[in-house]
């Protein structure tokens, strides 16, 4: 376990960088030209970034970045 002491301005900058990266991944996941293997790696990266984001962002902002799980049709 590691600890980190940062100023409010630094926290906001980390939030901004994580949001930007997650938005880019979400945008690329919709691109049909990208191979499924690459998309799987992008989803793994997204999970890591989202985990970091939940540690520095308020709950109401985190909710906007939750990827809805796909439910099986007909169940």
N, C-alpha and C. Protein backbone atom coordinates (compact mmCIF):
# COMPACT_ATOMS: atom_id res chain seq x y z
N UNK A 1 0.85 -1.17 0.00
CA UNK A 1 0.00 0.00 0.00
C UNK A 1 0.89 1.24 0.00
N UNK A 2 0.51 2.19 -0.82
CA UNK A 2 1.25 3.44 -0.90
C UNK A 2 0.33 4.59 -0.54
N UNK A 3 0.91 5.63 -0.01
CA UNK A 3 0.17 6.84 0.28
C UNK A 3 0.66 7.96 -0.61
N UNK A 4 -0.18 8.96 -0.80
CA UNK A 4 0.16 10.06 -1.68
C UNK A 4 -0.47 11.33 -1.13
N UNK A 5 0.33 12.34 -0.97
CA UNK A 5 -0.20 13.63 -0.51
C UNK A 5 -0.10 14.59 -1.68
N UNK A 6 -1.27 15.11 -2.08
CA UNK A 6 -1.31 16.04 -3.20
C UNK A 6 -2.20 17.22 -2.85
N UNK A 7 -1.97 18.32 -3.53
CA UNK A 7 -2.79 19.51 -3.35
C UNK A 7 -4.08 19.35 -4.15
N UNK A 8 -5.06 20.17 -3.84
CA UNK A 8 -6.35 20.12 -4.53
C UNK A 8 -6.17 20.35 -6.04
N UNK A 9 -5.30 21.27 -6.40
CA UNK A 9 -5.05 21.54 -7.82
C UNK A 9 -4.48 20.32 -8.53
N UNK A 10 -3.59 19.61 -7.86
CA UNK A 10 -3.01 18.40 -8.43
C UNK A 10 -4.07 17.31 -8.57
N UNK A 11 -4.94 17.23 -7.60
CA UNK A 11 -6.02 16.25 -7.65
C UNK A 11 -6.93 16.51 -8.85
N UNK A 12 -7.25 17.77 -9.08
CA UNK A 12 -8.09 18.13 -10.22
C UNK A 12 -7.39 17.81 -11.54
N UNK A 13 -6.09 18.01 -11.59
CA UNK A 13 -5.33 17.70 -12.80
C UNK A 13 -5.34 16.19 -13.06
N UNK A 14 -5.19 15.39 -12.01
CA UNK A 14 -5.24 13.93 -12.16
C UNK A 14 -6.62 13.51 -12.65
N UNK A 15 -7.67 14.10 -12.09
CA UNK A 15 -9.03 13.80 -12.54
C UNK A 15 -9.19 14.12 -14.02
N UNK A 16 -8.70 15.28 -14.42
CA UNK A 16 -8.80 15.71 -15.81
C UNK A 16 -8.08 14.74 -16.75
N UNK A 17 -6.87 14.34 -16.39
CA UNK A 17 -6.10 13.42 -17.23
C UNK A 17 -6.79 12.05 -17.35
N UNK A 18 -7.29 11.56 -16.23
CA UNK A 18 -7.98 10.27 -16.25
C UNK A 18 -9.26 10.33 -17.08
N UNK A 19 -10.02 11.41 -16.93
CA UNK A 19 -11.25 11.56 -17.72
C UNK A 19 -10.94 11.59 -19.21
N UNK A 20 -9.91 12.35 -19.56
CA UNK A 20 -9.53 12.46 -20.97
C UNK A 20 -9.15 11.11 -21.56
N UNK A 21 -8.37 10.36 -20.82
CA UNK A 21 -7.93 9.05 -21.29
C UNK A 21 -9.11 8.08 -21.38
N UNK A 22 -9.99 8.10 -20.38
CA UNK A 22 -11.15 7.21 -20.41
C UNK A 22 -12.11 7.58 -21.54
N UNK A 23 -12.30 8.88 -21.79
CA UNK A 23 -13.15 9.31 -22.90
C UNK A 23 -12.59 8.83 -24.24
N UNK A 24 -11.29 8.90 -24.39
CA UNK A 24 -10.67 8.45 -25.62
C UNK A 24 -10.86 6.94 -25.83
N UNK A 25 -10.71 6.18 -24.75
CA UNK A 25 -10.92 4.74 -24.85
C UNK A 25 -12.37 4.43 -25.19
N UNK A 26 -13.31 5.10 -24.53
CA UNK A 26 -14.73 4.88 -24.83
C UNK A 26 -15.05 5.19 -26.28
N UNK A 27 -14.46 6.25 -26.80
CA UNK A 27 -14.66 6.62 -28.20
C UNK A 27 -14.11 5.54 -29.12
N UNK A 28 -12.91 5.05 -28.83
CA UNK A 28 -12.28 4.04 -29.67
C UNK A 28 -12.98 2.68 -29.58
N UNK A 29 -13.62 2.38 -28.48
CA UNK A 29 -14.33 1.11 -28.35
C UNK A 29 -15.51 1.02 -29.33
N UNK A 30 -16.03 2.16 -29.75
CA UNK A 30 -17.14 2.17 -30.70
C UNK A 30 -16.67 2.06 -32.16
N UNK A 31 -15.38 2.15 -32.37
CA UNK A 31 -14.82 2.10 -33.73
C UNK A 31 -14.82 0.64 -34.22
N UNK A 32 -15.52 0.38 -35.31
CA UNK A 32 -15.64 -0.99 -35.83
C UNK A 32 -14.35 -1.46 -36.51
N UNK A 33 -13.45 -0.56 -36.81
CA UNK A 33 -12.20 -0.93 -37.49
C UNK A 33 -11.17 -1.53 -36.54
N UNK A 34 -11.39 -1.39 -35.24
CA UNK A 34 -10.43 -1.89 -34.26
C UNK A 34 -10.74 -3.35 -33.93
N UNK A 35 -9.71 -4.17 -33.95
CA UNK A 35 -9.82 -5.61 -33.71
C UNK A 35 -10.29 -5.89 -32.28
N UNK A 36 -10.99 -7.00 -32.08
CA UNK A 36 -11.53 -7.37 -30.77
C UNK A 36 -10.44 -7.62 -29.74
N UNK A 37 -9.31 -8.13 -30.16
CA UNK A 37 -8.20 -8.37 -29.23
C UNK A 37 -7.70 -7.04 -28.66
N UNK A 38 -7.60 -6.05 -29.53
CA UNK A 38 -7.17 -4.72 -29.11
C UNK A 38 -8.22 -4.10 -28.19
N UNK A 39 -9.48 -4.29 -28.53
CA UNK A 39 -10.55 -3.74 -27.69
C UNK A 39 -10.55 -4.37 -26.30
N UNK A 40 -10.23 -5.65 -26.23
CA UNK A 40 -10.16 -6.32 -24.92
C UNK A 40 -9.05 -5.70 -24.07
N UNK A 41 -7.91 -5.41 -24.69
CA UNK A 41 -6.81 -4.76 -23.97
C UNK A 41 -7.21 -3.34 -23.55
N UNK A 42 -7.95 -2.66 -24.41
CA UNK A 42 -8.41 -1.31 -24.08
C UNK A 42 -9.37 -1.34 -22.89
N UNK A 43 -10.23 -2.37 -22.84
CA UNK A 43 -11.16 -2.50 -21.71
C UNK A 43 -10.42 -2.76 -20.40
N UNK A 44 -9.36 -3.55 -20.47
CA UNK A 44 -8.54 -3.80 -19.27
C UNK A 44 -7.89 -2.51 -18.79
N UNK A 45 -7.37 -1.74 -19.72
CA UNK A 45 -6.76 -0.44 -19.37
C UNK A 45 -7.82 0.48 -18.77
N UNK A 46 -9.02 0.48 -19.35
CA UNK A 46 -10.11 1.31 -18.85
C UNK A 46 -10.43 0.95 -17.40
N UNK A 47 -10.47 -0.34 -17.09
CA UNK A 47 -10.76 -0.78 -15.72
C UNK A 47 -9.73 -0.23 -14.74
N UNK A 48 -8.47 -0.25 -15.13
CA UNK A 48 -7.40 0.26 -14.26
C UNK A 48 -7.56 1.77 -14.08
N UNK A 49 -7.79 2.49 -15.18
CA UNK A 49 -7.96 3.94 -15.09
C UNK A 49 -9.19 4.30 -14.26
N UNK A 50 -10.27 3.55 -14.43
CA UNK A 50 -11.49 3.83 -13.67
C UNK A 50 -11.26 3.59 -12.18
N UNK A 51 -10.50 2.57 -11.86
CA UNK A 51 -10.18 2.29 -10.47
C UNK A 51 -9.41 3.45 -9.85
N UNK A 52 -8.46 3.99 -10.59
CA UNK A 52 -7.72 5.17 -10.11
C UNK A 52 -8.64 6.37 -9.99
N UNK A 53 -9.53 6.53 -10.97
CA UNK A 53 -10.45 7.67 -10.99
C UNK A 53 -11.36 7.66 -9.77
N UNK A 54 -11.82 6.48 -9.36
CA UNK A 54 -12.72 6.41 -8.21
C UNK A 54 -12.03 6.84 -6.92
N UNK A 55 -10.72 6.80 -6.90
CA UNK A 55 -9.99 7.21 -5.70
C UNK A 55 -9.82 8.71 -5.58
N UNK A 56 -9.93 9.43 -6.71
CA UNK A 56 -9.68 10.88 -6.65
C UNK A 56 -10.89 11.72 -7.03
N UNK A 57 -11.94 11.09 -7.56
CA UNK A 57 -13.10 11.85 -8.03
C UNK A 57 -14.31 11.61 -7.13
N UNK A 58 -15.20 12.60 -7.08
CA UNK A 58 -16.44 12.40 -6.32
C UNK A 58 -17.34 11.37 -6.99
N UNK A 59 -18.20 10.77 -6.19
CA UNK A 59 -19.06 9.68 -6.66
C UNK A 59 -19.92 10.08 -7.86
N UNK A 60 -20.47 11.29 -7.84
CA UNK A 60 -21.36 11.71 -8.93
C UNK A 60 -20.63 11.80 -10.27
N UNK A 61 -19.33 12.03 -10.27
CA UNK A 61 -18.57 12.03 -11.52
C UNK A 61 -18.21 10.61 -11.94
N UNK A 62 -17.97 9.74 -10.97
CA UNK A 62 -17.62 8.35 -11.28
C UNK A 62 -18.78 7.63 -11.96
N UNK A 63 -19.98 7.96 -11.56
CA UNK A 63 -21.16 7.30 -12.12
C UNK A 63 -21.23 7.52 -13.64
N UNK A 64 -20.79 8.67 -14.11
CA UNK A 64 -20.83 8.97 -15.54
C UNK A 64 -19.90 8.08 -16.36
N UNK A 65 -18.92 7.46 -15.74
CA UNK A 65 -17.92 6.67 -16.45
C UNK A 65 -18.08 5.16 -16.24
N UNK A 66 -19.17 4.75 -15.61
CA UNK A 66 -19.42 3.32 -15.45
C UNK A 66 -19.92 2.78 -16.78
N UNK A 67 -19.29 1.72 -17.26
CA UNK A 67 -19.71 1.10 -18.50
C UNK A 67 -20.83 0.12 -18.17
N UNK A 68 -22.01 0.32 -18.76
CA UNK A 68 -23.12 -0.60 -18.46
C UNK A 68 -22.81 -1.99 -19.00
N UNK A 69 -23.12 -3.00 -18.20
CA UNK A 69 -22.89 -4.38 -18.66
C UNK A 69 -24.00 -4.76 -19.62
N UNK A 70 -23.63 -5.53 -20.62
CA UNK A 70 -24.62 -5.95 -21.61
C UNK A 70 -25.40 -7.13 -21.07
N UNK A 71 -26.70 -7.00 -21.01
CA UNK A 71 -27.56 -8.08 -20.52
C UNK A 71 -27.88 -9.02 -21.66
N UNK A 72 -28.04 -10.28 -21.33
CA UNK A 72 -28.38 -11.26 -22.35
C UNK A 72 -29.82 -11.06 -22.78
N UNK A 73 -30.04 -11.12 -24.08
CA UNK A 73 -31.39 -10.95 -24.61
C UNK A 73 -32.21 -12.20 -24.38
N UNK A 74 -33.48 -12.00 -24.10
CA UNK A 74 -34.39 -13.13 -23.95
C UNK A 74 -34.40 -13.73 -22.55
N UNK A 75 -33.74 -13.11 -21.61
CA UNK A 75 -33.74 -13.64 -20.25
C UNK A 75 -34.55 -12.74 -19.35
